[in-house]
C-alpha atoms as a PDB file:
ATOM      1  CA  MET A   1       0.447   0.435  -0.526  1.00  0.00           C
ATOM      2  CA  ASN A   2       1.100   3.508  -0.728  1.00  0.00           C
ATOM      3  CA  TYR A   3       1.246   5.164   2.458  1.00  0.00           C
ATOM      4  CA  LYS A   4       2.692   8.666   1.156  1.00  0.00           C
ATOM      5  CA  LEU A   5       0.450   8.871  -1.574  1.00  0.00           C
ATOM      6  CA  ILE A   6      -2.925   8.119   0.496  1.00  0.00           C
ATOM      7  CA  ALA A   7      -1.284  10.703   2.563  1.00  0.00           C
ATOM      8  CA  GLN A   8      -1.265  13.257  -0.737  1.00  0.00           C
ATOM      9  CA  GLU A   9      -4.444  12.534  -1.906  1.00  0.00           C
ATOM     10  CA  THR A  10      -6.093  14.024   1.781  1.00  0.00           C
ATOM     11  CA  LEU A  11      -3.673  16.847   1.668  1.00  0.00           C
ATOM     12  CA  ASN A  12      -4.616  17.347  -2.299  1.00  0.00           C
ATOM     13  CA  ILE A  13      -8.605  16.906  -0.368  1.00  0.00           C
ATOM     14  CA  GLU A  14      -8.699  19.477   1.846  1.00  0.00           C
ATOM     15  CA  ALA A  15      -6.475  22.289  -0.214  1.00  0.00           C
ATOM     16  CA  ASN A  16      -9.353  21.905  -2.432  1.00  0.00           C
ATOM     17  CA  THR A  17     -11.629  22.403   0.187  1.00  0.00           C
ATOM     18  CA  LEU A  18      -9.847  25.875   1.298  1.00  0.00           C
ATOM     19  CA  LEU A  19      -9.272  26.807  -1.969  1.00  0.00           C
ATOM     20  CA  SER A  20     -13.095  26.366  -2.724  1.00  0.00           C
ATOM     21  CA  ALA A  21     -14.589  27.921   0.147  1.00  0.00           C
ATOM     22  CA  SER A  22     -12.122  31.143  -1.119  1.00  0.00           C
ATOM     23  CA  LYS A  23     -13.813  31.556  -3.511  1.00  0.00           C
ATOM     24  CA  ASN A  24     -17.369  30.859  -2.777  1.00  0.00           C
ATOM     25  CA  MET A  25     -16.821  33.258   0.266  1.00  0.00           C
ATOM     26  CA  ASN A  26     -19.669  36.160   0.831  1.00  0.00           C
ATOM     27  CA  ASN A  27     -20.044  39.292   2.630  1.00  0.00           C
ATOM     28  CA  VAL A  28     -21.417  37.809   5.395  1.00  0.00           C
ATOM     29  CA  PHE A  29     -18.050  37.530   6.463  1.00  0.00           C
ATOM     30  CA  ASP A  30     -17.747  41.233   7.044  1.00  0.00           C
ATOM     31  CA  ASP A  31     -20.837  41.399   9.148  1.00  0.00           C
ATOM     32  CA  ALA A  32     -19.392  38.454  10.672  1.00  0.00           C
ATOM     33  CA  VAL A  33     -15.996  40.963  11.503  1.00  0.00           C
ATOM     34  CA  ALA A  34     -18.376  43.971  12.251  1.00  0.00           C
ATOM     35  CA  MET A  35     -19.978  42.102  14.747  1.00  0.00           C
ATOM     36  CA  VAL A  36     -16.969  40.979  16.768  1.00  0.00           C
ATOM     37  CA  LEU A  37     -15.537  44.757  16.566  1.00  0.00           C
ATOM     38  CA  LYS A  38     -19.055  45.750  18.278  1.00  0.00           C
ATOM     39  CA  CYS A  39     -18.592  43.947  21.306  1.00  0.00           C
ATOM     40  CA  LYS A  40     -18.123  44.983  24.516  1.00  0.00           C
ATOM     41  CA  GLY A  41     -17.839  41.687  25.805  1.00  0.00           C
ATOM     42  CA  LYS A  42     -15.995  38.614  24.804  1.00  0.00           C
ATOM     43  CA  LEU A  43     -16.000  36.278  22.093  1.00  0.00           C
ATOM     44  CA  VAL A  44     -17.938  33.428  23.464  1.00  0.00           C
ATOM     45  CA  ILE A  45     -17.076  29.940  21.060  1.00  0.00           C
ATOM     46  CA  THR A  46     -18.748  26.744  21.769  1.00  0.00           C
ATOM     47  CA  GLY A  47     -19.044  23.119  20.147  1.00  0.00           C
ATOM     48  CA  VAL A  48     -19.716  20.534  20.936  1.00  0.00           C
ATOM     49  CA  GLY A  49     -17.390  16.805  19.740  1.00  0.00           C
ATOM     50  CA  LYS A  50     -14.543  17.568  16.883  1.00  0.00           C
ATOM     51  CA  SER A  51     -16.015  20.577  16.498  1.00  0.00           C
ATOM     52  CA  GLY A  52     -15.556  21.687  20.261  1.00  0.00           C
ATOM     53  CA  LEU A  53     -12.550  21.119  20.139  1.00  0.00           C
ATOM     54  CA  ILE A  54     -11.760  23.347  16.848  1.00  0.00           C
ATOM     55  CA  GLY A  55     -13.541  25.772  19.218  1.00  0.00           C
ATOM     56  CA  ALA A  56     -11.020  25.800  21.862  1.00  0.00           C
ATOM     57  CA  LYS A  57      -8.273  25.604  19.593  1.00  0.00           C
ATOM     58  CA  MET A  58     -10.307  29.059  17.738  1.00  0.00           C
ATOM     59  CA  ALA A  59     -10.390  30.735  21.628  1.00  0.00           C
ATOM     60  CA  ALA A  60      -7.014  30.723  21.701  1.00  0.00           C
ATOM     61  CA  THR A  61      -6.111  32.349  18.924  1.00  0.00           C
ATOM     62  CA  PHE A  62      -8.806  35.304  18.916  1.00  0.00           C
ATOM     63  CA  ALA A  63      -7.361  35.619  22.811  1.00  0.00           C
ATOM     64  CA  SER A  64      -3.998  35.617  21.745  1.00  0.00           C
ATOM     65  CA  THR A  65      -4.524  37.983  19.200  1.00  0.00           C
ATOM     66  CA  GLY A  66      -6.323  41.203  20.419  1.00  0.00           C
ATOM     67  CA  THR A  67      -9.819  39.936  21.107  1.00  0.00           C
ATOM     68  CA  PRO A  68     -10.665  38.317  24.585  1.00  0.00           C
ATOM     69  CA  SER A  69     -12.385  34.961  24.065  1.00  0.00           C
ATOM     70  CA  PHE A  70     -12.867  31.489  25.840  1.00  0.00           C
ATOM     71  CA  PHE A  71     -14.462  28.737  24.917  1.00  0.00           C
ATOM     72  CA  LEU A  72     -17.785  27.097  26.781  1.00  0.00           C
ATOM     73  CA  HIS A  73     -18.576  23.062  25.989  1.00  0.00           C
ATOM     74  CA  PRO A  74     -22.536  23.437  25.493  1.00  0.00           C
ATOM     75  CA  THR A  75     -23.043  20.736  28.408  1.00  0.00           C
ATOM     76  CA  GLU A  76     -21.580  22.750  31.611  1.00  0.00           C
ATOM     77  CA  ALA A  77     -23.213  25.603  29.910  1.00  0.00           C
ATOM     78  CA  LEU A  78     -26.814  23.432  30.884  1.00  0.00           C
ATOM     79  CA  HIS A  79     -25.212  22.700  34.256  1.00  0.00           C
ATOM     80  CA  GLY A  80     -24.651  26.787  35.157  1.00  0.00           C
ATOM     81  CA  ASP A  81     -22.101  27.647  33.056  1.00  0.00           C
ATOM     82  CA  LEU A  82     -24.586  29.995  30.921  1.00  0.00           C
ATOM     83  CA  GLY A  83     -24.140  32.655  32.877  1.00  0.00           C
ATOM     84  CA  MET A  84     -20.472  33.277  31.833  1.00  0.00           C
ATOM     85  CA  ILE A  85     -22.300  34.342  29.067  1.00  0.00           C
ATOM     86  CA  GLY A  86     -22.639  38.081  29.325  1.00  0.00           C
ATOM     87  CA  LYS A  87     -25.406  40.568  27.912  1.00  0.00           C
ATOM     88  CA  ASP A  88     -22.522  42.334  26.418  1.00  0.00           C
ATOM     89  CA  ASP A  89     -20.996  39.077  24.104  1.00  0.00           C
ATOM     90  CA  VAL A  90     -21.230  37.827  20.998  1.00  0.00           C
ATOM     91  CA  VAL A  91     -21.440  33.899  20.603  1.00  0.00           C
ATOM     92  CA  ILE A  92     -20.005  31.592  17.656  1.00  0.00           C
ATOM     93  CA  ALA A  93     -21.061  27.956  18.002  1.00  0.00           C
ATOM     94  CA  ILE A  94     -19.938  25.638  15.761  1.00  0.00           C
ATOM     95  CA  SER A  95     -21.970  22.628  14.275  1.00  0.00           C
ATOM     96  CA  TYR A  96     -21.167  21.201  10.961  1.00  0.00           C
ATOM     97  CA  SER A  97     -24.839  19.355  11.120  1.00  0.00           C
ATOM     98  CA  GLY A  98     -26.240  22.174  13.123  1.00  0.00           C
ATOM     99  CA  GLU A  99     -27.816  19.364  14.894  1.00  0.00           C
ATOM    100  CA  SER A 100     -25.692  18.910  17.250  1.00  0.00           C
ATOM    101  CA  GLU A 101     -27.977  17.805  20.306  1.00  0.00           C
ATOM    102  CA  GLU A 102     -26.151  19.663  23.569  1.00  0.00           C
ATOM    103  CA  LEU A 103     -25.620  22.831  21.560  1.00  0.00           C
ATOM    104  CA  SER A 104     -29.264  22.772  20.280  1.00  0.00           C
ATOM    105  CA  GLN A 105     -30.371  22.857  23.763  1.00  0.00           C
ATOM    106  CA  ILE A 106     -28.450  26.001  24.830  1.00  0.00           C
ATOM    107  CA  LEU A 107     -29.275  28.502  21.313  1.00  0.00           C
ATOM    108  CA  PRO A 108     -33.048  28.847  22.769  1.00  0.00           C
ATOM    109  CA  HIS A 109     -31.411  30.326  25.966  1.00  0.00           C
ATOM    110  CA  ILE A 110     -28.968  32.634  24.216  1.00  0.00           C
ATOM    111  CA  LYS A 111     -30.835  34.252  22.130  1.00  0.00           C
ATOM    112  CA  ARG A 112     -33.316  34.983  24.905  1.00  0.00           C
ATOM    113  CA  PHE A 113     -30.915  37.039  26.302  1.00  0.00           C
ATOM    114  CA  ASN A 114     -30.929  38.552  23.312  1.00  0.00           C
ATOM    115  CA  ILE A 115     -26.702  38.053  22.504  1.00  0.00           C
ATOM    116  CA  PRO A 116     -25.538  38.295  19.357  1.00  0.00           C
ATOM    117  CA  LEU A 117     -25.045  35.027  17.892  1.00  0.00           C
ATOM    118  CA  ILE A 118     -22.605  33.033  14.521  1.00  0.00           C
ATOM    119  CA  GLY A 119     -23.788  29.978  13.765  1.00  0.00           C
ATOM    120  CA  MET A 120     -20.889  28.146  11.441  1.00  0.00           C
ATOM    121  CA  THR A 121     -22.888  24.823   9.692  1.00  0.00           C
ATOM    122  CA  ARG A 122     -22.548  23.496   6.337  1.00  0.00           C
ATOM    123  CA  ASP A 123     -26.800  24.097   6.739  1.00  0.00           C
ATOM    124  CA  SER A 124     -28.608  27.392   7.534  1.00  0.00           C
ATOM    125  CA  ASN A 125     -31.898  25.529   7.653  1.00  0.00           C
ATOM    126  CA  SER A 126     -30.489  23.758  10.546  1.00  0.00           C
ATOM    127  CA  THR A 127     -31.842  24.581  14.232  1.00  0.00           C
ATOM    128  CA  LEU A 128     -28.533  26.122  14.135  1.00  0.00           C
ATOM    129  CA  GLY A 129     -28.908  28.387  11.226  1.00  0.00           C
ATOM    130  CA  LYS A 130     -32.142  29.568  12.361  1.00  0.00           C
ATOM    131  CA  TYR A 131     -31.483  30.565  15.278  1.00  0.00           C
ATOM    132  CA  SER A 132     -28.010  32.361  13.935  1.00  0.00           C
ATOM    133  CA  ASP A 133     -28.046  35.979  13.364  1.00  0.00           C
ATOM    134  CA  LEU A 134     -25.293  35.114  10.775  1.00  0.00           C
ATOM    135  CA  VAL A 135     -24.138  32.015   9.445  1.00  0.00           C
ATOM    136  CA  ILE A 136     -20.780  31.277   8.176  1.00  0.00           C
ATOM    137  CA  ASP A 137     -21.151  28.436   5.294  1.00  0.00           C
ATOM    138  CA  VAL A 138     -18.985  25.358   6.511  1.00  0.00           C
ATOM    139  CA  VAL A 139     -19.691  24.019   2.879  1.00  0.00           C
ATOM    140  CA  VAL A 140     -17.335  20.478   2.113  1.00  0.00           C
ATOM    141  CA  GLU A 141     -17.943  18.892  -1.038  1.00  0.00           C
ATOM    142  CA  LYS A 142     -16.626  15.551   0.474  1.00  0.00           C
ATOM    143  CA  GLU A 143     -14.233  14.728   3.405  1.00  0.00           C
ATOM    144  CA  ALA A 144     -10.913  13.295   3.063  1.00  0.00           C
ATOM    145  CA  CYS A 145     -11.688   9.953   5.401  1.00  0.00           C
ATOM    146  CA  PRO A 146     -12.189   7.936   2.622  1.00  0.00           C
ATOM    147  CA  LEU A 147     -15.312   6.509   4.418  1.00  0.00           C
ATOM    148  CA  ASN A 148     -16.344  10.031   4.179  1.00  0.00           C
ATOM    149  CA  ILE A 149     -17.207  10.440   7.604  1.00  0.00           C
ATOM    150  CA  ALA A 150     -15.029  10.872   9.636  1.00  0.00           C
ATOM    151  CA  PRO A 151     -14.814  15.037   9.902  1.00  0.00           C
ATOM    152  CA  THR A 152     -11.390  16.058   8.143  1.00  0.00           C
ATOM    153  CA  SER A 153     -12.032  18.456   5.342  1.00  0.00           C
ATOM    154  CA  SER A 154     -14.826  19.784   7.309  1.00  0.00           C
ATOM    155  CA  THR A 155     -13.067  20.390  10.940  1.00  0.00           C
ATOM    156  CA  THR A 156      -9.829  22.199   8.722  1.00  0.00           C
ATOM    157  CA  LEU A 157     -12.223  24.728   7.082  1.00  0.00           C
ATOM    158  CA  THR A 158     -13.907  25.109   9.904  1.00  0.00           C
ATOM    159  CA  LEU A 159     -10.687  25.449  11.487  1.00  0.00           C
ATOM    160  CA  ALA A 160      -9.297  28.096   9.001  1.00  0.00           C
ATOM    161  CA  LEU A 161     -12.379  30.323   8.947  1.00  0.00           C
ATOM    162  CA  GLY A 162     -11.494  30.801  12.499  1.00  0.00           C
ATOM    163  CA  ASP A 163      -7.726  31.876  11.538  1.00  0.00           C
ATOM    164  CA  ALA A 164      -9.418  34.217   8.924  1.00  0.00           C
ATOM    165  CA  LEU A 165     -11.191  35.657  11.603  1.00  0.00           C
ATOM    166  CA  ALA A 166      -8.895  35.974  13.497  1.00  0.00           C
ATOM    167  CA  VAL A 167      -6.403  37.784  11.002  1.00  0.00           C
ATOM    168  CA  CYS A 168      -9.335  40.460   9.831  1.00  0.00           C
ATOM    169  CA  LEU A 169      -9.490  41.612  12.884  1.00  0.00           C
ATOM    170  CA  MET A 170      -6.073  41.762  13.628  1.00  0.00           C
ATOM    171  CA  ARG A 171      -6.055  43.476  10.404  1.00  0.00           C
ATOM    172  CA  ALA A 172      -9.013  45.962  11.828  1.00  0.00           C
ATOM    173  CA  ARG A 173      -7.571  46.128  15.138  1.00  0.00           C
ATOM    174  CA  ASP A 174      -4.421  47.099  13.612  1.00  0.00           C
ATOM    175  CA  PHE A 175      -2.549  44.674  16.033  1.00  0.00           C
ATOM    176  CA  GLN A 176       1.353  44.736  16.281  1.00  0.00           C
ATOM    177  CA  LYS A 177       3.613  42.773  17.219  1.00  0.00           C
ATOM    178  CA  THR A 178       4.256  44.050  20.552  1.00  0.00           C
ATOM    179  CA  ASP A 179       0.420  43.577  21.084  1.00  0.00           C
ATOM    180  CA  PHE A 180       1.089  39.906  19.924  1.00  0.00           C
ATOM    181  CA  ALA A 181       4.227  40.034  22.165  1.00  0.00           C
ATOM    182  CA  SER A 182       2.058  41.730  25.220  1.00  0.00           C
ATOM    183  CA  PHE A 183      -0.099  38.507  25.174  1.00  0.00           C
ATOM    184  CA  HIS A 184       3.136  36.344  25.054  1.00  0.00           C
ATOM    185  CA  PRO A 185       5.643  37.234  27.384  1.00  0.00           C
ATOM    186  CA  GLY A 186       7.228  34.134  28.135  1.00  0.00           C
ATOM    187  CA  GLY A 187       7.502  33.286  24.680  1.00  0.00           C
ATOM    188  CA  ALA A 188      10.211  33.933  21.828  1.00  0.00           C
ATOM    189  CA  LEU A 189       8.507  37.180  20.605  1.00  0.00           C
ATOM    190  CA  GLY A 190       7.909  38.369  23.568  1.00  0.00           C
ATOM    191  CA  LYS A 191      11.922  37.669  24.599  1.00  0.00           C
ATOM    192  CA  GLN A 192      12.642  39.335  21.484  1.00  0.00           C
ATOM    193  CA  LEU A 193      10.431  42.619  22.468  1.00  0.00           C
ATOM    194  CA  PHE A 194      10.428  42.494  26.070  1.00  0.00           C
ATOM    195  CA  ILE A 195      14.164  41.335  27.773  1.00  0.00           C
ATOM    196  CA  LYS A 196      16.924  43.810  27.994  1.00  0.00           C
ATOM    197  CA  VAL A 197      20.148  43.809  28.079  1.00  0.00           C
ATOM    198  CA  SER A 198      19.974  45.373  32.060  1.00  0.00           C
ATOM    199  CA  ASP A 199      17.901  42.184  32.776  1.00  0.00           C
ATOM    200  CA  LEU A 200      20.507  40.227  31.584  1.00  0.00           C
ATOM    201  CA  MET A 201      23.691  41.278  32.020  1.00  0.00           C
ATOM    202  CA  ARG A 202      25.721  40.744  34.798  1.00  0.00           C
ATOM    203  CA  THR A 203      26.859  43.520  37.443  1.00  0.00           C
ATOM    204  CA  ASP A 204      28.321  41.462  40.237  1.00  0.00           C
ATOM    205  CA  ASP A 205      31.772  41.018  40.687  1.00  0.00           C
ATOM    206  CA  LEU A 206      33.269  42.051  37.261  1.00  0.00           C
ATOM    207  CA  PRO A 207      36.692  40.996  36.468  1.00  0.00           C
ATOM    208  CA  ILE A 208      37.679  44.902  36.827  1.00  0.00           C
ATOM    209  CA  ILE A 209      41.698  45.386  36.940  1.00  0.00           C
ATOM    210  CA  PRO A 210      43.993  48.564  36.820  1.00  0.00           C
ATOM    211  CA  GLN A 211      45.143  49.244  33.267  1.00  0.00           C
ATOM    212  CA  ASN A 212      49.389  49.135  34.497  1.00  0.00           C
ATOM    213  CA  THR A 213      48.220  45.605  36.316  1.00  0.00           C
ATOM    214  CA  LYS A 214      50.907  42.680  34.913  1.00  0.00           C
ATOM    215  CA  VAL A 215      50.071  39.819  32.871  1.00  0.00           C
ATOM    216  CA  LYS A 216      50.761  37.141  36.114  1.00  0.00           C
ATOM    217  CA  GLU A 217      48.265  39.373  38.150  1.00  0.00           C
ATOM    218  CA  ALA A 218      45.757  39.539  35.282  1.00  0.00           C
ATOM    219  CA  LEU A 219      45.678  35.776  35.025  1.00  0.00           C
ATOM    220  CA  PHE A 220      44.323  34.846  37.835  1.00  0.00           C
ATOM    221  CA  LYS A 221      41.609  37.804  37.465  1.00  0.00           C
ATOM    222  CA  ILE A 222      40.403  36.215  34.184  1.00  0.00           C
ATOM    223  CA  SER A 223      40.495  33.065  36.346  1.00  0.00           C
ATOM    224  CA  GLU A 224      38.547  34.196  38.769  1.00  0.00           C
ATOM    225  CA  GLY A 225      36.120  36.233  36.566  1.00  0.00           C
ATOM    226  CA  LYS A 226      35.308  32.884  34.783  1.00  0.00           C
ATOM    227  CA  ILE A 227      33.954  35.605  31.592  1.00  0.00           C
ATOM    228  CA  GLY A 228      37.630  34.697  29.914  1.00  0.00           C
ATOM    229  CA  THR A 229      38.046  38.386  29.925  1.00  0.00           C
ATOM    230  CA  VAL A 230      38.759  41.282  32.247  1.00  0.00           C
ATOM    231  CA  LEU A 231      38.351  44.895  32.065  1.00  0.00           C
ATOM    232  CA  LEU A 232      41.151  47.658  32.269  1.00  0.00           C
ATOM    233  CA  VAL A 233      40.851  50.897  33.467  1.00  0.00           C
ATOM    234  CA  ASP A 234      42.420  54.061  33.669  1.00  0.00           C
ATOM    235  CA  ASP A 235      42.484  55.992  37.168  1.00  0.00           C
ATOM    236  CA  ALA A 236      38.563  57.358  36.877  1.00  0.00           C
ATOM    237  CA  LYS A 237      37.666  54.001  36.843  1.00  0.00           C
ATOM    238  CA  ASN A 238      36.778  54.424  33.433  1.00  0.00           C
ATOM    239  CA  LEU A 239      37.241  51.523  30.565  1.00  0.00           C
ATOM    240  CA  VAL A 240      40.118  52.000  27.718  1.00  0.00           C
ATOM    241  CA  ALA A 241      40.831  47.956  27.291  1.00  0.00           C
ATOM    242  CA  LEU A 242      39.217  44.133  27.340  1.00  0.00           C
ATOM    243  CA  VAL A 243      42.121  41.274  27.373  1.00  0.00           C
ATOM    244  CA  SER A 244      41.075  37.943  26.979  1.00  0.00           C
ATOM    245  CA  ASP A 245      42.075  34.356  27.749  1.00  0.00           C
ATOM    246  CA  GLY A 246      42.610  33.924  23.859  1.00  0.00           C
ATOM    247  CA  ASP A 247      44.434  37.754  23.408  1.00  0.00           C
ATOM    248  CA  ILE A 248      47.286  36.493  26.182  1.00  0.00           C
ATOM    249  CA  ARG A 249      47.552  32.828  24.070  1.00  0.00           C
ATOM    250  CA  ARG A 250      48.296  34.622  21.504  1.00  0.00           C
ATOM    251  CA  ALA A 251      50.692  36.555  23.298  1.00  0.00           C
ATOM    252  CA  LEU A 252      52.574  34.071  24.342  1.00  0.00           C
ATOM    253  CA  LEU A 253      53.559  32.889  20.751  1.00  0.00           C
ATOM    254  CA  LYS A 254      55.214  36.325  20.267  1.00  0.00           C
ATOM    255  CA  GLU A 255      59.652  36.266  21.401  1.00  0.00           C
ATOM    256  CA  ASP A 256      59.316  39.497  23.405  1.00  0.00           C
ATOM    257  CA  PHE A 257      56.322  38.331  25.587  1.00  0.00           C
ATOM    258  CA  SER A 258      57.101  38.284  29.005  1.00  0.00           C
ATOM    259  CA  ILE A 259      54.654  37.526  32.403  1.00  0.00           C
ATOM    260  CA  ASP A 260      55.989  40.371  34.044  1.00  0.00           C
ATOM    261  CA  ASP A 261      54.989  42.576  31.335  1.00  0.00           C
ATOM    262  CA  GLU A 262      51.855  45.265  31.767  1.00  0.00           C
ATOM    263  CA  VAL A 263      49.054  43.667  30.464  1.00  0.00           C
ATOM    264  CA  LEU A 264      48.268  46.839  28.431  1.00  0.00           C
ATOM    265  CA  LYS A 265      50.463  46.210  26.364  1.00  0.00           C
ATOM    266  CA  TYR A 266      48.103  42.331  25.161  1.00  0.00           C
ATOM    267  CA  ALA A 267      44.352  44.230  25.230  1.00  0.00           C
ATOM    268  CA  THR A 268      41.946  44.879  22.753  1.00  0.00           C
ATOM    269  CA  LYS A 269      42.512  49.512  23.456  1.00  0.00           C
ATOM    270  CA  ASN A 270      39.767  51.294  22.890  1.00  0.00           C
ATOM    271  CA  PRO A 271      36.838  48.054  23.071  1.00  0.00           C
ATOM    272  CA  PHE A 272      33.127  48.651  21.753  1.00  0.00           C
ATOM    273  CA  VAL A 273      30.545  49.532  24.516  1.00  0.00           C
ATOM    274  CA  CYS A 274      26.409  49.059  25.102  1.00  0.00           C
ATOM    275  CA  ASP A 275      26.126  52.918  26.677  1.00  0.00           C
ATOM    276  CA  ASP A 276      22.381  51.830  26.872  1.00  0.00           C
ATOM    277  CA  GLU A 277      21.186  49.045  29.718  1.00  0.00           C
ATOM    278  CA  ASN A 278      17.864  50.009  28.111  1.00  0.00           C
ATOM    279  CA  MET A 279      18.856  48.231  24.750  1.00  0.00           C
ATOM    280  CA  LEU A 280      16.765  45.468  23.974  1.00  0.00           C
ATOM    281  CA  ALA A 281      18.823  41.834  24.206  1.00  0.00           C
ATOM    282  CA  SER A 282      17.913  40.780  20.610  1.00  0.00           C
ATOM    283  CA  GLU A 283      19.293  43.806  19.546  1.00  0.00           C
ATOM    284  CA  ALA A 284      22.958  43.474  21.569  1.00  0.00           C
ATOM    285  CA  LEU A 285      22.870  39.934  20.344  1.00  0.00           C
ATOM    286  CA  VAL A 286      23.150  41.248  17.142  1.00  0.00           C
ATOM    287  CA  ILE A 287      25.578  43.688  17.494  1.00  0.00           C
ATOM    288  CA  ILE A 288      27.625  40.726  19.622  1.00  0.00           C
ATOM    289  CA  GLU A 289      27.499  38.782  16.607  1.00  0.00           C
ATOM    290  CA  GLU A 290      28.452  41.576  13.698  1.00  0.00           C
ATOM    291  CA  LYS A 291      31.335  42.690  15.766  1.00  0.00           C
ATOM    292  CA  LYS A 292      32.542  38.643  15.894  1.00  0.00           C
ATOM    293  CA  ILE A 293      32.420  39.679  20.032  1.00  0.00           C
ATOM    294  CA  GLN A 294      31.607  37.140  22.865  1.00  0.00           C
ATOM    295  CA  LEU A 295      31.584  39.442  26.039  1.00  0.00           C
ATOM    296  CA  LEU A 296      29.468  43.346  25.144  1.00  0.00           C
ATOM    297  CA  VAL A 297      30.186  45.335  27.801  1.00  0.00           C
ATOM    298  CA  VAL A 298      27.807  48.166  29.033  1.00  0.00           C
ATOM    299  CA  THR A 299      29.301  51.556  30.263  1.00  0.00           C
ATOM    300  CA  ASP A 300      27.074  55.000  30.759  1.00  0.00           C
ATOM    301  CA  THR A 301      27.947  57.987  28.453  1.00  0.00           C
ATOM    302  CA  ASN A 302      31.630  58.450  30.738  1.00  0.00           C
ATOM    303  CA  LYS A 303      32.484  54.725  29.631  1.00  0.00           C
ATOM    304  CA  LYS A 304      31.674  53.831  33.158  1.00  0.00           C
ATOM    305  CA  ILE A 305      31.356  49.832  33.829  1.00  0.00           C
ATOM    306  CA  LYS A 306      27.574  49.601  34.904  1.00  0.00           C
ATOM    307  CA  GLY A 307      27.676  44.981  33.837  1.00  0.00           C
ATOM    308  CA  VAL A 308      28.960  42.605  30.918  1.00  0.00           C
ATOM    309  CA  LEU A 309      26.747  41.033  28.727  1.00  0.00           C
ATOM    310  CA  HIS A 310      27.836  37.262  27.097  1.00  0.00           C
ATOM    311  CA  ILE A 311      26.654  35.884  23.845  1.00  0.00           C
ATOM    312  CA  HIS A 312      25.665  32.119  26.297  1.00  0.00           C
ATOM    313  CA  THR A 313      24.104  33.805  28.738  1.00  0.00           C
ATOM    314  CA  LEU A 314      21.906  35.651  26.110  1.00  0.00           C
ATOM    315  CA  ILE A 315      22.079  32.115  24.153  1.00  0.00           C
ATOM    316  CA  GLU A 316      20.761  30.025  27.263  1.00  0.00           C
ATOM    317  CA  LYS A 317      17.614  32.818  27.636  1.00  0.00           C
ATOM    318  CA  GLY A 318      16.544  31.905  24.180  1.00  0.00           C
ATOM    319  CA  ILE A 319      17.355  35.186  22.726  1.00  0.00           C
ATOM    320  CA  SER A 320      17.750  34.668  19.075  1.00  0.00           C
END
């Protein structure tokens, strides 16, 4: 049996379902967007079985993209949770057949409070369709299931229509990256947009030595500092140079090298620094990569050392 061919056929069926829905989309979608935009409360998604699973995902997508939303199971609604729906809310009810028993039982109660209802179903004449103020068609020519029974193409289409509605709302609200990151502070985007240099830089026990320190003493400080580098300062405590263990190793190859030399002789003078501790950590990483350095020294505008930021710290914290 050629499973690859079966998989391709499944994808083709579902892809064609989406393309067909795109071509046949009507103005109801515009009305649905307008209805949700006018909503002063929350967008409540409800459905049973596979439709419920799709609804839960839709609610999560809406909630993370600027539309306050939650999923309500019809059975739980019948046993007290119906009170979670407020008069300022909008409800999206999902049922492919439009006749899901549990869902049908809560529809009269929703309409009793004149709560706007958007139905997602294949049949506008179904129970769900008749109760709905707007019906978004979920019509498929065939399920990808070989028996044409298991919800496959229909659930894919429902999910895609939910995504389409979420994207329309994002565009309407001019939802930006910073807005998205506000709802995902622990995610990769949140780290890029919110974590600053000051949040990650090391400020304690910095390996700082006078610029006239001997190589021998500098080596001890490099070992103690555990960042592979020492920071050289002048009498005013301003940064003047950096010396890494790599600088010392390269110096050892020189014929005139002496462990009693002043370490400044082998230092990187006037190193690149960051004088803005409020810079985003992701921007600092770009600088580190562009300058091909491992350590970024953070100073004030007068070259007074405030901290150091190591590339390993950025990587460990997931900054990219």
